[in-house]
Amino acid sequence: MLDEGITAEEFLKTVPEKHKQNVITVIYDILKLGIPLHEGEIQWRARELYVQQHLKDYLE
């Protein structure tokens, strides 16, 4: 359950398909760390993961 009062599954329905895997990964990572699920935290970490995955594309 996210702090916003919706389930992670409901939140995932709002995520574009191309970003869902990253968001799922981030949700699991946050849960492992014991940090409360918050939409802003999920989005921030998902963007950071996306940048890490694609940074090499920008540097080439």
PDB file of N, CA and C in Angstrom:
ATOM      1  N   MET A   1       0.840  -1.175   0.000  1.00  0.00           N
ATOM      2  CA  MET A   1       0.000   0.000   0.000  1.00  0.00           C
ATOM      3  C   MET A   1       0.890   1.244   0.000  1.00  0.00           C
ATOM      4  N   LEU A   2       0.605   2.152  -0.909  1.00  0.00           N
ATOM      5  CA  LEU A   2       1.338   3.405  -0.968  1.00  0.00           C
ATOM      6  C   LEU A   2       0.783   4.376   0.071  1.00  0.00           C
ATOM      7  N   ASP A   3       1.615   5.338   0.467  1.00  0.00           N
ATOM      8  CA  ASP A   3       1.168   6.360   1.409  1.00  0.00           C
ATOM      9  C   ASP A   3      -0.066   7.106   0.899  1.00  0.00           C
ATOM     10  N   GLU A   4      -0.216   7.160  -0.434  1.00  0.00           N
ATOM     11  CA  GLU A   4      -1.353   7.866  -1.020  1.00  0.00           C
ATOM     12  C   GLU A   4      -2.667   7.102  -0.878  1.00  0.00           C
ATOM     13  N   GLY A   5      -2.621   5.890  -0.326  1.00  0.00           N
ATOM     14  CA  GLY A   5      -3.842   5.127  -0.080  1.00  0.00           C
ATOM     15  C   GLY A   5      -4.251   4.189  -1.206  1.00  0.00           C
ATOM     16  N   ILE A   6      -3.365   3.981  -2.185  1.00  0.00           N
ATOM     17  CA  ILE A   6      -3.662   3.023  -3.255  1.00  0.00           C
ATOM     18  C   ILE A   6      -2.656   1.884  -3.180  1.00  0.00           C
ATOM     19  N   THR A   7      -3.017   0.771  -3.762  1.00  0.00           N
ATOM     20  CA  THR A   7      -2.098  -0.364  -3.765  1.00  0.00           C
ATOM     21  C   THR A   7      -1.044  -0.168  -4.852  1.00  0.00           C
ATOM     22  N   ALA A   8       0.047  -0.900  -4.716  1.00  0.00           N
ATOM     23  CA  ALA A   8       1.092  -0.848  -5.738  1.00  0.00           C
ATOM     24  C   ALA A   8       0.537  -1.298  -7.081  1.00  0.00           C
ATOM     25  N   GLU A   9      -0.356  -2.265  -7.062  1.00  0.00           N
ATOM     26  CA  GLU A   9      -0.975  -2.751  -8.302  1.00  0.00           C
ATOM     27  C   GLU A   9      -1.789  -1.638  -8.978  1.00  0.00           C
ATOM     28  N   GLU A  10      -2.543  -0.900  -8.190  1.00  0.00           N
ATOM     29  CA  GLU A  10      -3.315   0.215  -8.753  1.00  0.00           C
ATOM     30  C   GLU A  10      -2.386   1.285  -9.317  1.00  0.00           C
ATOM     31  N   PHE A  11      -1.294   1.557  -8.610  1.00  0.00           N
ATOM     32  CA  PHE A  11      -0.328   2.537  -9.092  1.00  0.00           C
ATOM     33  C   PHE A  11       0.283   2.093 -10.414  1.00  0.00           C
ATOM     34  N   LEU A  12       0.609   0.810 -10.516  1.00  0.00           N
ATOM     35  CA  LEU A  12       1.212   0.288 -11.748  1.00  0.00           C
ATOM     36  C   LEU A  12       0.297   0.457 -12.960  1.00  0.00           C
ATOM     37  N   LYS A  13      -0.991   0.483 -12.756  1.00  0.00           N
ATOM     38  CA  LYS A  13      -1.928   0.683 -13.860  1.00  0.00           C
ATOM     39  C   LYS A  13      -1.797   2.067 -14.477  1.00  0.00           C
ATOM     40  N   THR A  14      -1.207   3.010 -13.737  1.00  0.00           N
ATOM     41  CA  THR A  14      -1.045   4.376 -14.229  1.00  0.00           C
ATOM     42  C   THR A  14       0.300   4.584 -14.927  1.00  0.00           C
ATOM     43  N   VAL A  15       1.155   3.570 -14.895  1.00  0.00           N
ATOM     44  CA  VAL A  15       2.517   3.685 -15.435  1.00  0.00           C
ATOM     45  C   VAL A  15       2.532   3.239 -16.894  1.00  0.00           C
ATOM     46  N   PRO A  16       3.169   4.019 -17.770  1.00  0.00           N
ATOM     47  CA  PRO A  16       3.289   3.589 -19.172  1.00  0.00           C
ATOM     48  C   PRO A  16       3.991   2.228 -19.264  1.00  0.00           C
ATOM     49  N   GLU A  17       3.561   1.426 -20.201  1.00  0.00           N
ATOM     50  CA  GLU A  17       4.057   0.053 -20.352  1.00  0.00           C
ATOM     51  C   GLU A  17       5.587  -0.010 -20.414  1.00  0.00           C
ATOM     52  N   LYS A  18       6.214   0.928 -21.115  1.00  0.00           N
ATOM     53  CA  LYS A  18       7.668   0.857 -21.285  1.00  0.00           C
ATOM     54  C   LYS A  18       8.424   1.117 -19.984  1.00  0.00           C
ATOM     55  N   HIS A  19       7.753   1.644 -18.959  1.00  0.00           N
ATOM     56  CA  HIS A  19       8.414   1.931 -17.686  1.00  0.00           C
ATOM     57  C   HIS A  19       8.007   0.972 -16.567  1.00  0.00           C
ATOM     58  N   LYS A  20       7.075   0.075 -16.830  1.00  0.00           N
ATOM     59  CA  LYS A  20       6.542  -0.781 -15.767  1.00  0.00           C
ATOM     60  C   LYS A  20       7.606  -1.658 -15.115  1.00  0.00           C
ATOM     61  N   GLN A  21       8.493  -2.250 -15.901  1.00  0.00           N
ATOM     62  CA  GLN A  21       9.490  -3.136 -15.312  1.00  0.00           C
ATOM     63  C   GLN A  21      10.397  -2.380 -14.350  1.00  0.00           C
ATOM     64  N   ASN A  22      10.797  -1.173 -14.723  1.00  0.00           N
ATOM     65  CA  ASN A  22      11.628  -0.366 -13.826  1.00  0.00           C
ATOM     66  C   ASN A  22      10.878  -0.015 -12.543  1.00  0.00           C
ATOM     67  N   VAL A  23       9.614   0.333 -12.668  1.00  0.00           N
ATOM     68  CA  VAL A  23       8.819   0.692 -11.498  1.00  0.00           C
ATOM     69  C   VAL A  23       8.654  -0.521 -10.583  1.00  0.00           C
ATOM     70  N   ILE A  24       8.425  -1.681 -11.136  1.00  0.00           N
ATOM     71  CA  ILE A  24       8.316  -2.903 -10.336  1.00  0.00           C
ATOM     72  C   ILE A  24       9.625  -3.157  -9.595  1.00  0.00           C
ATOM     73  N   THR A  25      10.738  -3.025 -10.298  1.00  0.00           N
ATOM     74  CA  THR A  25      12.056  -3.207  -9.674  1.00  0.00           C
ATOM     75  C   THR A  25      12.238  -2.228  -8.523  1.00  0.00           C
ATOM     76  N   VAL A  26      11.888  -0.988  -8.746  1.00  0.00           N
ATOM     77  CA  VAL A  26      12.037   0.052  -7.725  1.00  0.00           C
ATOM     78  C   VAL A  26      11.149  -0.241  -6.518  1.00  0.00           C
ATOM     79  N   ILE A  27       9.914  -0.667  -6.751  1.00  0.00           N
ATOM     80  CA  ILE A  27       9.009  -0.983  -5.639  1.00  0.00           C
ATOM     81  C   ILE A  27       9.608  -2.088  -4.773  1.00  0.00           C
ATOM     82  N   TYR A  28      10.119  -3.128  -5.391  1.00  0.00           N
ATOM     83  CA  TYR A  28      10.747  -4.207  -4.622  1.00  0.00           C
ATOM     84  C   TYR A  28      11.967  -3.697  -3.864  1.00  0.00           C
ATOM     85  N   ASP A  29      12.777  -2.857  -4.496  1.00  0.00           N
ATOM     86  CA  ASP A  29      13.957  -2.299  -3.828  1.00  0.00           C
ATOM     87  C   ASP A  29      13.556  -1.467  -2.609  1.00  0.00           C
ATOM     88  N   ILE A  30      12.532  -0.644  -2.758  1.00  0.00           N
ATOM     89  CA  ILE A  30      12.065   0.182  -1.646  1.00  0.00           C
ATOM     90  C   ILE A  30      11.568  -0.691  -0.506  1.00  0.00           C
ATOM     91  N   LEU A  31      10.816  -1.728  -0.841  1.00  0.00           N
ATOM     92  CA  LEU A  31      10.310  -2.636   0.198  1.00  0.00           C
ATOM     93  C   LEU A  31      11.457  -3.326   0.930  1.00  0.00           C
ATOM     94  N   LYS A  32      12.491  -3.737   0.193  1.00  0.00           N
ATOM     95  CA  LYS A  32      13.656  -4.372   0.828  1.00  0.00           C
ATOM     96  C   LYS A  32      14.344  -3.427   1.802  1.00  0.00           C
ATOM     97  N   LEU A  33      14.381  -2.144   1.464  1.00  0.00           N
ATOM     98  CA  LEU A  33      15.028  -1.137   2.310  1.00  0.00           C
ATOM     99  C   LEU A  33      14.157  -0.746   3.508  1.00  0.00           C
ATOM    100  N   GLY A  34      12.896  -1.114   3.466  1.00  0.00           N
ATOM    101  CA  GLY A  34      11.986  -0.779   4.559  1.00  0.00           C
ATOM    102  C   GLY A  34      11.495   0.656   4.517  1.00  0.00           C
ATOM    103  N   ILE A  35      11.629   1.289   3.359  1.00  0.00           N
ATOM    104  CA  ILE A  35      11.166   2.664   3.178  1.00  0.00           C
ATOM    105  C   ILE A  35       9.688   2.625   2.806  1.00  0.00           C
ATOM    106  N   PRO A  36       8.879   3.535   3.362  1.00  0.00           N
ATOM    107  CA  PRO A  36       7.462   3.562   2.979  1.00  0.00           C
ATOM    108  C   PRO A  36       7.309   3.830   1.483  1.00  0.00           C
ATOM    109  N   LEU A  37       6.330   3.173   0.884  1.00  0.00           N
ATOM    110  CA  LEU A  37       6.046   3.394  -0.532  1.00  0.00           C
ATOM    111  C   LEU A  37       5.329   4.722  -0.695  1.00  0.00           C
ATOM    112  N   HIS A  38       5.936   5.590  -1.461  1.00  0.00           N
ATOM    113  CA  HIS A  38       5.380   6.902  -1.739  1.00  0.00           C
ATOM    114  C   HIS A  38       5.551   7.160  -3.233  1.00  0.00           C
ATOM    115  N   GLU A  39       4.523   7.638  -3.865  1.00  0.00           N
ATOM    116  CA  GLU A  39       4.545   7.824  -5.322  1.00  0.00           C
ATOM    117  C   GLU A  39       5.755   8.635  -5.787  1.00  0.00           C
ATOM    118  N   GLY A  40       6.070   9.705  -5.098  1.00  0.00           N
ATOM    119  CA  GLY A  40       7.207  10.529  -5.475  1.00  0.00           C
ATOM    120  C   GLY A  40       8.525   9.779  -5.381  1.00  0.00           C
ATOM    121  N   GLU A  41       8.684   8.999  -4.329  1.00  0.00           N
ATOM    122  CA  GLU A  41       9.910   8.200  -4.150  1.00  0.00           C
ATOM    123  C   GLU A  41      10.039   7.156  -5.267  1.00  0.00           C
ATOM    124  N   ILE A  42       8.946   6.515  -5.603  1.00  0.00           N
ATOM    125  CA  ILE A  42       8.956   5.507  -6.667  1.00  0.00           C
ATOM    126  C   ILE A  42       9.332   6.155  -7.992  1.00  0.00           C
ATOM    127  N   GLN A  43       8.704   7.279  -8.300  1.00  0.00           N
ATOM    128  CA  GLN A  43       8.975   7.953  -9.571  1.00  0.00           C
ATOM    129  C   GLN A  43      10.417   8.434  -9.643  1.00  0.00           C
ATOM    130  N   TRP A  44      10.927   9.000  -8.564  1.00  0.00           N
ATOM    131  CA  TRP A  44      12.303   9.490  -8.539  1.00  0.00           C
ATOM    132  C   TRP A  44      13.285   8.348  -8.767  1.00  0.00           C
ATOM    133  N   ARG A  45      13.096   7.253  -8.040  1.00  0.00           N
ATOM    134  CA  ARG A  45      14.007   6.111  -8.179  1.00  0.00           C
ATOM    135  C   ARG A  45      13.877   5.456  -9.555  1.00  0.00           C
ATOM    136  N   ALA A  46      12.686   5.418 -10.107  1.00  0.00           N
ATOM    137  CA  ALA A  46      12.498   4.842 -11.438  1.00  0.00           C
ATOM    138  C   ALA A  46      13.201   5.690 -12.500  1.00  0.00           C
ATOM    139  N   ARG A  47      13.128   7.011 -12.362  1.00  0.00           N
ATOM    140  CA  ARG A  47      13.844   7.896 -13.298  1.00  0.00           C
ATOM    141  C   ARG A  47      15.347   7.698 -13.180  1.00  0.00           C
ATOM    142  N   GLU A  48      15.850   7.595 -11.962  1.00  0.00           N
ATOM    143  CA  GLU A  48      17.280   7.368 -11.745  1.00  0.00           C
ATOM    144  C   GLU A  48      17.721   6.044 -12.379  1.00  0.00           C
ATOM    145  N   LEU A  49      16.920   5.003 -12.217  1.00  0.00           N
ATOM    146  CA  LEU A  49      17.232   3.706 -12.818  1.00  0.00           C
ATOM    147  C   LEU A  49      17.236   3.806 -14.333  1.00  0.00           C
ATOM    148  N   TYR A  50      16.266   4.504 -14.893  1.00  0.00           N
ATOM    149  CA  TYR A  50      16.185   4.682 -16.339  1.00  0.00           C
ATOM    150  C   TYR A  50      17.428   5.408 -16.858  1.00  0.00           C
ATOM    151  N   VAL A  51      17.832   6.457 -16.169  1.00  0.00           N
ATOM    152  CA  VAL A  51      19.026   7.214 -16.578  1.00  0.00           C
ATOM    153  C   VAL A  51      20.258   6.317 -16.524  1.00  0.00           C
ATOM    154  N   GLN A  52      20.404   5.550 -15.463  1.00  0.00           N
ATOM    155  CA  GLN A  52      21.548   4.640 -15.349  1.00  0.00           C
ATOM    156  C   GLN A  52      21.569   3.646 -16.505  1.00  0.00           C
ATOM    157  N   GLN A  53      20.413   3.149 -16.874  1.00  0.00           N
ATOM    158  CA  GLN A  53      20.327   2.162 -17.942  1.00  0.00           C
ATOM    159  C   GLN A  53      20.642   2.771 -19.308  1.00  0.00           C
ATOM    160  N   HIS A  54      20.346   4.053 -19.497  1.00  0.00           N
ATOM    161  CA  HIS A  54      20.480   4.676 -20.809  1.00  0.00           C
ATOM    162  C   HIS A  54      21.592   5.709 -20.893  1.00  0.00           C
ATOM    163  N   LEU A  55      22.315   5.924 -19.832  1.00  0.00           N
ATOM    164  CA  LEU A  55      23.382   6.923 -19.814  1.00  0.00           C
ATOM    165  C   LEU A  55      24.446   6.617 -20.847  1.00  0.00           C
ATOM    166  N   LYS A  56      24.784   5.360 -20.993  1.00  0.00           N
ATOM    167  CA  LYS A  56      25.816   4.995 -21.965  1.00  0.00           C
ATOM    168  C   LYS A  56      25.399   5.373 -23.390  1.00  0.00           C
ATOM    169  N   ASP A  57      24.103   5.335 -23.686  1.00  0.00           N
ATOM    170  CA  ASP A  57      23.595   5.728 -25.007  1.00  0.00           C
ATOM    171  C   ASP A  57      23.882   7.213 -25.283  1.00  0.00           C
ATOM    172  N   TYR A  58      23.773   8.034 -24.224  1.00  0.00           N
ATOM    173  CA  TYR A  58      23.994   9.467 -24.380  1.00  0.00           C
ATOM    174  C   TYR A  58      25.476   9.817 -24.486  1.00  0.00           C
ATOM    175  N   LEU A  59      26.301   8.985 -23.867  1.00  0.00           N
ATOM    176  CA  LEU A  59      27.731   9.274 -23.846  1.00  0.00           C
ATOM    177  C   LEU A  59      28.456   8.787 -25.093  1.00  0.00           C
ATOM    178  N   GLU A  60      27.836   7.934 -25.859  1.00  0.00           N
ATOM    179  CA  GLU A  60      28.477   7.397 -27.057  1.00  0.00           C
ATOM    180  C   GLU A  60      28.368   8.328 -28.234  1.00  0.00           C
TER     181      GLU A  60
END
